[in-house]
mmCIF file of all heavy atoms, coordinates in Angstrom:
data_MODEL
# 
_entry.id   MODEL 
# 
loop_
_atom_site.group_PDB 
_atom_site.id 
_atom_site.type_symbol 
_atom_site.label_atom_id 
_atom_site.label_alt_id 
_atom_site.label_comp_id 
_atom_site.label_asym_id 
_atom_site.label_entity_id 
_atom_site.label_seq_id 
_atom_site.pdbx_PDB_ins_code 
_atom_site.Cartn_x 
_atom_site.Cartn_y 
_atom_site.Cartn_z 
_atom_site.occupancy 
_atom_site.B_iso_or_equiv 
_atom_site.pdbx_formal_charge 
_atom_site.auth_seq_id 
_atom_site.auth_comp_id 
_atom_site.auth_asym_id 
_atom_site.auth_atom_id 
_atom_site.pdbx_PDB_model_num 
ATOM 1   N N   . SER A 1 1  ? 0.822  -1.170  0.030   1.00 0.00 ? 1  SER A N   1 
ATOM 2   C CA  . SER A 1 1  ? -0.039 -0.005  -0.026  1.00 0.00 ? 1  SER A CA  1 
ATOM 3   C C   . SER A 1 1  ? 0.878  1.281   0.004   1.00 0.00 ? 1  SER A C   1 
ATOM 4   O O   . SER A 1 1  ? 2.044  1.199   0.423   1.00 0.00 ? 1  SER A O   1 
ATOM 5   C CB  . SER A 1 1  ? -0.968 0.041   1.199   1.00 0.00 ? 1  SER A CB  1 
ATOM 6   O OG  . SER A 1 1  ? -0.262 0.160   2.451   1.00 0.00 ? 1  SER A OG  1 
ATOM 7   N N   . GLY A 1 2  ? 0.269  2.328   -0.442  1.00 0.00 ? 2  GLY A N   1 
ATOM 8   C CA  . GLY A 1 2  ? 1.069  3.607   -0.523  1.00 0.00 ? 2  GLY A CA  1 
ATOM 9   C C   . GLY A 1 2  ? 2.336  3.572   -1.288  1.00 0.00 ? 2  GLY A C   1 
ATOM 10  O O   . GLY A 1 2  ? 3.367  4.009   -0.926  1.00 0.00 ? 2  GLY A O   1 
ATOM 11  N N   . ALA A 1 3  ? 2.235  2.924   -2.507  1.00 0.00 ? 3  ALA A N   1 
ATOM 12  C CA  . ALA A 1 3  ? 3.443  2.587   -3.298  1.00 0.00 ? 3  ALA A CA  1 
ATOM 13  C C   . ALA A 1 3  ? 3.505  3.409   -4.578  1.00 0.00 ? 3  ALA A C   1 
ATOM 14  O O   . ALA A 1 3  ? 4.240  3.069   -5.486  1.00 0.00 ? 3  ALA A O   1 
ATOM 15  C CB  . ALA A 1 3  ? 3.428  1.119   -3.617  1.00 0.00 ? 3  ALA A CB  1 
ATOM 16  N N   . SER A 1 4  ? 2.887  4.596   -4.618  1.00 0.00 ? 4  SER A N   1 
ATOM 17  C CA  . SER A 1 4  ? 2.991  5.376   -5.847  1.00 0.00 ? 4  SER A CA  1 
ATOM 18  C C   . SER A 1 4  ? 4.247  6.237   -5.831  1.00 0.00 ? 4  SER A C   1 
ATOM 19  O O   . SER A 1 4  ? 4.583  6.896   -6.870  1.00 0.00 ? 4  SER A O   1 
ATOM 20  C CB  . SER A 1 4  ? 1.762  6.252   -5.956  1.00 0.00 ? 4  SER A CB  1 
ATOM 21  O OG  . SER A 1 4  ? 1.595  7.089   -4.865  1.00 0.00 ? 4  SER A OG  1 
ATOM 22  N N   . GLY A 1 5  ? 5.021  6.152   -4.732  1.00 0.00 ? 5  GLY A N   1 
ATOM 23  C CA  . GLY A 1 5  ? 6.281  6.883   -4.723  1.00 0.00 ? 5  GLY A CA  1 
ATOM 24  C C   . GLY A 1 5  ? 7.049  6.523   -3.468  1.00 0.00 ? 5  GLY A C   1 
ATOM 25  O O   . GLY A 1 5  ? 6.611  5.761   -2.613  1.00 0.00 ? 5  GLY A O   1 
ATOM 26  N N   . GLY A 1 6  ? 8.237  7.134   -3.332  1.00 0.00 ? 6  GLY A N   1 
ATOM 27  C CA  . GLY A 1 6  ? 9.057  6.957   -2.138  1.00 0.00 ? 6  GLY A CA  1 
ATOM 28  C C   . GLY A 1 6  ? 9.379  5.559   -1.744  1.00 0.00 ? 6  GLY A C   1 
ATOM 29  O O   . GLY A 1 6  ? 9.787  4.722   -2.548  1.00 0.00 ? 6  GLY A O   1 
ATOM 30  N N   . ILE A 1 7  ? 9.218  5.265   -0.425  1.00 0.00 ? 7  ILE A N   1 
ATOM 31  C CA  . ILE A 1 7  ? 9.612  3.946   0.068   1.00 0.00 ? 7  ILE A CA  1 
ATOM 32  C C   . ILE A 1 7  ? 8.753  2.840   -0.530  1.00 0.00 ? 7  ILE A C   1 
ATOM 33  O O   . ILE A 1 7  ? 9.288  1.762   -0.864  1.00 0.00 ? 7  ILE A O   1 
ATOM 34  C CB  . ILE A 1 7  ? 9.451  3.938   1.618   1.00 0.00 ? 7  ILE A CB  1 
ATOM 35  C CG1 . ILE A 1 7  ? 10.536 4.800   2.258   1.00 0.00 ? 7  ILE A CG1 1 
ATOM 36  C CG2 . ILE A 1 7  ? 9.528  2.582   2.188   1.00 0.00 ? 7  ILE A CG2 1 
ATOM 37  C CD1 . ILE A 1 7  ? 10.406 5.017   3.774   1.00 0.00 ? 7  ILE A CD1 1 
ATOM 38  N N   . GLY A 1 8  ? 7.447  3.099   -0.650  1.00 0.00 ? 8  GLY A N   1 
ATOM 39  C CA  . GLY A 1 8  ? 6.581  2.075   -1.277  1.00 0.00 ? 8  GLY A CA  1 
ATOM 40  C C   . GLY A 1 8  ? 6.954  1.684   -2.621  1.00 0.00 ? 8  GLY A C   1 
ATOM 41  O O   . GLY A 1 8  ? 6.991  0.505   -3.027  1.00 0.00 ? 8  GLY A O   1 
ATOM 42  N N   . LEU A 1 9  ? 7.331  2.673   -3.420  1.00 0.00 ? 9  LEU A N   1 
ATOM 43  C CA  . LEU A 1 9  ? 7.750  2.413   -4.834  1.00 0.00 ? 9  LEU A CA  1 
ATOM 44  C C   . LEU A 1 9  ? 9.020  1.622   -4.864  1.00 0.00 ? 9  LEU A C   1 
ATOM 45  O O   . LEU A 1 9  ? 9.219  0.695   -5.645  1.00 0.00 ? 9  LEU A O   1 
ATOM 46  C CB  . LEU A 1 9  ? 7.914  3.818   -5.555  1.00 0.00 ? 9  LEU A CB  1 
ATOM 47  C CG  . LEU A 1 9  ? 8.262  3.636   -7.065  1.00 0.00 ? 9  LEU A CG  1 
ATOM 48  C CD1 . LEU A 1 9  ? 7.099  3.018   -7.874  1.00 0.00 ? 9  LEU A CD1 1 
ATOM 49  C CD2 . LEU A 1 9  ? 8.564  5.034   -7.619  1.00 0.00 ? 9  LEU A CD2 1 
ATOM 50  N N   . ALA A 1 10 ? 9.936  1.966   -3.960  1.00 0.00 ? 10 ALA A N   1 
ATOM 51  C CA  . ALA A 1 10 ? 11.185 1.198   -3.897  1.00 0.00 ? 10 ALA A CA  1 
ATOM 52  C C   . ALA A 1 10 ? 10.962 -0.272  -3.507  1.00 0.00 ? 10 ALA A C   1 
ATOM 53  O O   . ALA A 1 10 ? 11.637 -1.131  -3.980  1.00 0.00 ? 10 ALA A O   1 
ATOM 54  C CB  . ALA A 1 10 ? 12.166 1.887   -2.919  1.00 0.00 ? 10 ALA A CB  1 
ATOM 55  N N   . ILE A 1 11 ? 10.059 -0.495  -2.560  1.00 0.00 ? 11 ILE A N   1 
ATOM 56  C CA  . ILE A 1 11 ? 9.749  -1.892  -2.177  1.00 0.00 ? 11 ILE A CA  1 
ATOM 57  C C   . ILE A 1 11 ? 9.145  -2.611  -3.346  1.00 0.00 ? 11 ILE A C   1 
ATOM 58  O O   . ILE A 1 11 ? 9.549  -3.757  -3.572  1.00 0.00 ? 11 ILE A O   1 
ATOM 59  C CB  . ILE A 1 11 ? 8.736  -1.848  -0.975  1.00 0.00 ? 11 ILE A CB  1 
ATOM 60  C CG1 . ILE A 1 11 ? 9.407  -1.190  0.256   1.00 0.00 ? 11 ILE A CG1 1 
ATOM 61  C CG2 . ILE A 1 11 ? 8.244  -3.258  -0.673  1.00 0.00 ? 11 ILE A CG2 1 
ATOM 62  C CD1 . ILE A 1 11 ? 8.449  -0.931  1.385   1.00 0.00 ? 11 ILE A CD1 1 
ATOM 63  N N   . ALA A 1 12 ? 8.249  -1.956  -4.035  1.00 0.00 ? 12 ALA A N   1 
ATOM 64  C CA  . ALA A 1 12 ? 7.685  -2.624  -5.259  1.00 0.00 ? 12 ALA A CA  1 
ATOM 65  C C   . ALA A 1 12 ? 8.763  -2.963  -6.299  1.00 0.00 ? 12 ALA A C   1 
ATOM 66  O O   . ALA A 1 12 ? 8.749  -4.082  -6.802  1.00 0.00 ? 12 ALA A O   1 
ATOM 67  C CB  . ALA A 1 12 ? 6.610  -1.653  -5.867  1.00 0.00 ? 12 ALA A CB  1 
ATOM 68  N N   . ARG A 1 13 ? 9.687  -2.059  -6.520  1.00 0.00 ? 13 ARG A N   1 
ATOM 69  C CA  . ARG A 1 13 ? 10.729 -2.299  -7.468  1.00 0.00 ? 13 ARG A CA  1 
ATOM 70  C C   . ARG A 1 13 ? 11.600 -3.504  -7.032  1.00 0.00 ? 13 ARG A C   1 
ATOM 71  O O   . ARG A 1 13 ? 11.988 -4.331  -7.858  1.00 0.00 ? 13 ARG A O   1 
ATOM 72  C CB  . ARG A 1 13 ? 11.542 -1.060  -7.641  1.00 0.00 ? 13 ARG A CB  1 
ATOM 73  C CG  . ARG A 1 13 ? 12.718 -1.178  -8.657  1.00 0.00 ? 13 ARG A CG  1 
ATOM 74  C CD  . ARG A 1 13 ? 13.479 0.032   -8.878  1.00 0.00 ? 13 ARG A CD  1 
ATOM 75  N NE  . ARG A 1 13 ? 12.761 1.037   -9.664  1.00 0.00 ? 13 ARG A NE  1 
ATOM 76  C CZ  . ARG A 1 13 ? 12.261 2.155   -9.158  1.00 0.00 ? 13 ARG A CZ  1 
ATOM 77  N NH1 . ARG A 1 13 ? 12.407 2.499   -7.900  1.00 0.00 ? 13 ARG A NH1 1 
ATOM 78  N NH2 . ARG A 1 13 ? 11.653 3.017   -9.948  1.00 0.00 ? 13 ARG A NH2 1 
ATOM 79  N N   . ALA A 1 14 ? 11.861 -3.543  -5.688  1.00 0.00 ? 14 ALA A N   1 
ATOM 80  C CA  . ALA A 1 14 ? 12.700 -4.600  -5.214  1.00 0.00 ? 14 ALA A CA  1 
ATOM 81  C C   . ALA A 1 14 ? 12.031 -5.993  -5.352  1.00 0.00 ? 14 ALA A C   1 
ATOM 82  O O   . ALA A 1 14 ? 12.680 -6.964  -5.719  1.00 0.00 ? 14 ALA A O   1 
ATOM 83  C CB  . ALA A 1 14 ? 13.076 -4.339  -3.711  1.00 0.00 ? 14 ALA A CB  1 
ATOM 84  N N   . PHE A 1 15 ? 10.708 -6.033  -5.102  1.00 0.00 ? 15 PHE A N   1 
ATOM 85  C CA  . PHE A 1 15 ? 10.019 -7.332  -5.236  1.00 0.00 ? 15 PHE A CA  1 
ATOM 86  C C   . PHE A 1 15 ? 9.972  -7.731  -6.741  1.00 0.00 ? 15 PHE A C   1 
ATOM 87  O O   . PHE A 1 15 ? 10.192 -8.921  -7.026  1.00 0.00 ? 15 PHE A O   1 
ATOM 88  C CB  . PHE A 1 15 ? 8.607  -7.236  -4.669  1.00 0.00 ? 15 PHE A CB  1 
ATOM 89  C CG  . PHE A 1 15 ? 8.397  -7.558  -3.231  1.00 0.00 ? 15 PHE A CG  1 
ATOM 90  C CD1 . PHE A 1 15 ? 8.275  -6.597  -2.229  1.00 0.00 ? 15 PHE A CD1 1 
ATOM 91  C CD2 . PHE A 1 15 ? 8.385  -8.874  -2.859  1.00 0.00 ? 15 PHE A CD2 1 
ATOM 92  C CE1 . PHE A 1 15 ? 8.167  -6.981  -0.978  1.00 0.00 ? 15 PHE A CE1 1 
ATOM 93  C CE2 . PHE A 1 15 ? 8.258  -9.260  -1.559  1.00 0.00 ? 15 PHE A CE2 1 
ATOM 94  C CZ  . PHE A 1 15 ? 8.121  -8.299  -0.570  1.00 0.00 ? 15 PHE A CZ  1 
ATOM 95  N N   . LEU A 1 16 ? 9.759  -6.780  -7.585  1.00 0.00 ? 16 LEU A N   1 
ATOM 96  C CA  . LEU A 1 16 ? 9.739  -7.122  -9.019  1.00 0.00 ? 16 LEU A CA  1 
ATOM 97  C C   . LEU A 1 16 ? 11.087 -7.635  -9.430  1.00 0.00 ? 16 LEU A C   1 
ATOM 98  O O   . LEU A 1 16 ? 11.188 -8.569  -10.274 1.00 0.00 ? 16 LEU A O   1 
ATOM 99  C CB  . LEU A 1 16 ? 9.390  -5.825  -9.861  1.00 0.00 ? 16 LEU A CB  1 
ATOM 100 C CG  . LEU A 1 16 ? 7.913  -5.448  -9.808  1.00 0.00 ? 16 LEU A CG  1 
ATOM 101 C CD1 . LEU A 1 16 ? 7.721  -4.065  -10.404 1.00 0.00 ? 16 LEU A CD1 1 
ATOM 102 C CD2 . LEU A 1 16 ? 7.030  -6.500  -10.509 1.00 0.00 ? 16 LEU A CD2 1 
ATOM 103 N N   . ALA A 1 17 ? 12.200 -7.021  -8.945  1.00 0.00 ? 17 ALA A N   1 
ATOM 104 C CA  . ALA A 1 17 ? 13.535 -7.483  -9.322  1.00 0.00 ? 17 ALA A CA  1 
ATOM 105 C C   . ALA A 1 17 ? 13.793 -8.909  -8.854  1.00 0.00 ? 17 ALA A C   1 
ATOM 106 O O   . ALA A 1 17 ? 14.587 -9.649  -9.502  1.00 0.00 ? 17 ALA A O   1 
ATOM 107 C CB  . ALA A 1 17 ? 14.575 -6.515  -8.686  1.00 0.00 ? 17 ALA A CB  1 
ATOM 108 N N   . GLU A 1 18 ? 13.082 -9.311  -7.780  1.00 0.00 ? 18 GLU A N   1 
ATOM 109 C CA  . GLU A 1 18 ? 13.235 -10.703 -7.319  1.00 0.00 ? 18 GLU A CA  1 
ATOM 110 C C   . GLU A 1 18 ? 12.313 -11.635 -8.113  1.00 0.00 ? 18 GLU A C   1 
ATOM 111 O O   . GLU A 1 18 ? 12.348 -12.838 -7.875  1.00 0.00 ? 18 GLU A O   1 
ATOM 112 C CB  . GLU A 1 18 ? 12.852 -10.762 -5.849  1.00 0.00 ? 18 GLU A CB  1 
ATOM 113 C CG  . GLU A 1 18 ? 13.841 -10.056 -4.945  1.00 0.00 ? 18 GLU A CG  1 
ATOM 114 C CD  . GLU A 1 18 ? 15.160 -10.779 -4.767  1.00 0.00 ? 18 GLU A CD  1 
ATOM 115 O OE1 . GLU A 1 18 ? 15.144 -12.102 -4.852  1.00 0.00 ? 18 GLU A OE1 1 
ATOM 116 O OE2 . GLU A 1 18 ? 16.195 -10.189 -4.749  1.00 0.00 ? 18 GLU A OE2 1 
ATOM 117 N N   . GLY A 1 19 ? 11.538 -11.097 -9.056  1.00 0.00 ? 19 GLY A N   1 
ATOM 118 C CA  . GLY A 1 19 ? 10.646 -11.970 -9.868  1.00 0.00 ? 19 GLY A CA  1 
ATOM 119 C C   . GLY A 1 19 ? 9.302  -12.154 -9.256  1.00 0.00 ? 19 GLY A C   1 
ATOM 120 O O   . GLY A 1 19 ? 8.485  -12.958 -9.781  1.00 0.00 ? 19 GLY A O   1 
ATOM 121 N N   . ALA A 1 20 ? 8.963  -11.489 -8.172  1.00 0.00 ? 20 ALA A N   1 
ATOM 122 C CA  . ALA A 1 20 ? 7.679  -11.603 -7.556  1.00 0.00 ? 20 ALA A CA  1 
ATOM 123 C C   . ALA A 1 20 ? 6.584  -10.880 -8.418  1.00 0.00 ? 20 ALA A C   1 
ATOM 124 O O   . ALA A 1 20 ? 6.833  -10.040 -9.248  1.00 0.00 ? 20 ALA A O   1 
ATOM 125 C CB  . ALA A 1 20 ? 7.700  -11.027 -6.138  1.00 0.00 ? 20 ALA A CB  1 
ATOM 126 N N   . ARG A 1 21 ? 5.287  -11.257 -8.158  1.00 0.00 ? 21 ARG A N   1 
ATOM 127 C CA  . ARG A 1 21 ? 4.161  -10.567 -8.657  1.00 0.00 ? 21 ARG A CA  1 
ATOM 128 C C   . ARG A 1 21 ? 3.835  -9.503  -7.646  1.00 0.00 ? 21 ARG A C   1 
ATOM 129 O O   . ARG A 1 21 ? 3.821  -9.719  -6.443  1.00 0.00 ? 21 ARG A O   1 
ATOM 130 C CB  . ARG A 1 21 ? 2.951  -11.537 -8.863  1.00 0.00 ? 21 ARG A CB  1 
ATOM 131 C CG  . ARG A 1 21 ? 3.234  -12.611 -9.817  1.00 0.00 ? 21 ARG A CG  1 
ATOM 132 C CD  . ARG A 1 21 ? 2.069  -13.634 -9.912  1.00 0.00 ? 21 ARG A CD  1 
ATOM 133 N NE  . ARG A 1 21 ? 1.894  -14.277 -8.623  1.00 0.00 ? 21 ARG A NE  1 
ATOM 134 C CZ  . ARG A 1 21 ? 2.476  -15.479 -8.302  1.00 0.00 ? 21 ARG A CZ  1 
ATOM 135 N NH1 . ARG A 1 21 ? 3.266  -16.057 -9.198  1.00 0.00 ? 21 ARG A NH1 1 
ATOM 136 N NH2 . ARG A 1 21 ? 2.235  -16.081 -7.122  1.00 0.00 ? 21 ARG A NH2 1 
ATOM 137 N N   . VAL A 1 22 ? 3.497  -8.298  -8.119  1.00 0.00 ? 22 VAL A N   1 
ATOM 138 C CA  . VAL A 1 22 ? 3.399  -7.119  -7.244  1.00 0.00 ? 22 VAL A CA  1 
ATOM 139 C C   . VAL A 1 22 ? 2.090  -6.316  -7.540  1.00 0.00 ? 22 VAL A C   1 
ATOM 140 O O   . VAL A 1 22 ? 1.825  -5.990  -8.718  1.00 0.00 ? 22 VAL A O   1 
ATOM 141 C CB  . VAL A 1 22 ? 4.630  -6.181  -7.409  1.00 0.00 ? 22 VAL A CB  1 
ATOM 142 C CG1 . VAL A 1 22 ? 4.414  -4.898  -6.560  1.00 0.00 ? 22 VAL A CG1 1 
ATOM 143 C CG2 . VAL A 1 22 ? 5.894  -6.922  -6.977  1.00 0.00 ? 22 VAL A CG2 1 
ATOM 144 N N   . ALA A 1 23 ? 1.336  -6.062  -6.513  1.00 0.00 ? 23 ALA A N   1 
ATOM 145 C CA  . ALA A 1 23 ? 0.202  -5.172  -6.576  1.00 0.00 ? 23 ALA A CA  1 
ATOM 146 C C   . ALA A 1 23 ? 0.487  -3.977  -5.724  1.00 0.00 ? 23 ALA A C   1 
ATOM 147 O O   . ALA A 1 23 ? 0.952  -4.125  -4.612  1.00 0.00 ? 23 ALA A O   1 
ATOM 148 C CB  . ALA A 1 23 ? -1.099 -5.899  -6.114  1.00 0.00 ? 23 ALA A CB  1 
ATOM 149 N N   . ILE A 1 24 ? 0.242  -2.834  -6.282  1.00 0.00 ? 24 ILE A N   1 
ATOM 150 C CA  . ILE A 1 24 ? 0.484  -1.538  -5.515  1.00 0.00 ? 24 ILE A CA  1 
ATOM 151 C C   . ILE A 1 24 ? -0.743 -0.764  -5.439  1.00 0.00 ? 24 ILE A C   1 
ATOM 152 O O   . ILE A 1 24 ? -1.541 -0.800  -6.358  1.00 0.00 ? 24 ILE A O   1 
ATOM 153 C CB  . ILE A 1 24 ? 1.670  -0.726  -6.088  1.00 0.00 ? 24 ILE A CB  1 
ATOM 154 C CG1 . ILE A 1 24 ? 1.375  -0.244  -7.532  1.00 0.00 ? 24 ILE A CG1 1 
ATOM 155 C CG2 . ILE A 1 24 ? 2.978  -1.510  -6.037  1.00 0.00 ? 24 ILE A CG2 1 
ATOM 156 C CD1 . ILE A 1 24 ? 2.386  0.741   -8.080  1.00 0.00 ? 24 ILE A CD1 1 
ATOM 157 N N   . THR A 1 25 ? -0.899 -0.085  -4.299  1.00 0.00 ? 25 THR A N   1 
ATOM 158 C CA  . THR A 1 25 ? -2.031 0.792   -4.168  1.00 0.00 ? 25 THR A CA  1 
ATOM 159 C C   . THR A 1 25 ? -1.661 2.256   -4.034  1.00 0.00 ? 25 THR A C   1 
ATOM 160 O O   . THR A 1 25 ? -0.574 2.531   -3.576  1.00 0.00 ? 25 THR A O   1 
ATOM 161 C CB  . THR A 1 25 ? -2.968 0.434   -2.946  1.00 0.00 ? 25 THR A CB  1 
ATOM 162 O OG1 . THR A 1 25 ? -2.372 0.971   -1.712  1.00 0.00 ? 25 THR A OG1 1 
ATOM 163 C CG2 . THR A 1 25 ? -3.154 -1.082  -2.811  1.00 0.00 ? 25 THR A CG2 1 
ATOM 164 N N   . GLY A 1 26 ? -2.536 3.167   -4.343  1.00 0.00 ? 26 GLY A N   1 
ATOM 165 C CA  . GLY A 1 26 ? -2.353 4.582   -4.135  1.00 0.00 ? 26 GLY A CA  1 
ATOM 166 C C   . GLY A 1 26 ? -3.746 5.204   -4.268  1.00 0.00 ? 26 GLY A C   1 
ATOM 167 O O   . GLY A 1 26 ? -4.701 4.600   -4.739  1.00 0.00 ? 26 GLY A O   1 
ATOM 168 N N   . ARG A 1 27 ? -3.855 6.430   -3.771  1.00 0.00 ? 27 ARG A N   1 
ATOM 169 C CA  . ARG A 1 27 ? -5.220 7.102   -3.720  1.00 0.00 ? 27 ARG A CA  1 
ATOM 170 C C   . ARG A 1 27 ? -5.610 7.676   -5.066  1.00 0.00 ? 27 ARG A C   1 
ATOM 171 O O   . ARG A 1 27 ? -6.788 7.875   -5.309  1.00 0.00 ? 27 ARG A O   1 
ATOM 172 C CB  . ARG A 1 27 ? -5.262 8.097   -2.625  1.00 0.00 ? 27 ARG A CB  1 
ATOM 173 C CG  . ARG A 1 27 ? -5.309 7.482   -1.255  1.00 0.00 ? 27 ARG A CG  1 
ATOM 174 C CD  . ARG A 1 27 ? -5.396 8.510   -0.188  1.00 0.00 ? 27 ARG A CD  1 
ATOM 175 N NE  . ARG A 1 27 ? -4.179 9.372   -0.095  1.00 0.00 ? 27 ARG A NE  1 
ATOM 176 C CZ  . ARG A 1 27 ? -3.997 10.379  0.692   1.00 0.00 ? 27 ARG A CZ  1 
ATOM 177 N NH1 . ARG A 1 27 ? -4.908 10.727  1.568   1.00 0.00 ? 27 ARG A NH1 1 
ATOM 178 N NH2 . ARG A 1 27 ? -2.839 11.045  0.736   1.00 0.00 ? 27 ARG A NH2 1 
# 
């Protein structure tokens, strides 16, 4: 959640780099 920028976006990028499937939320 809260992954449209900053820390959340970095977490999403890191999971994607590991090959994971990623869902991100933002308002």
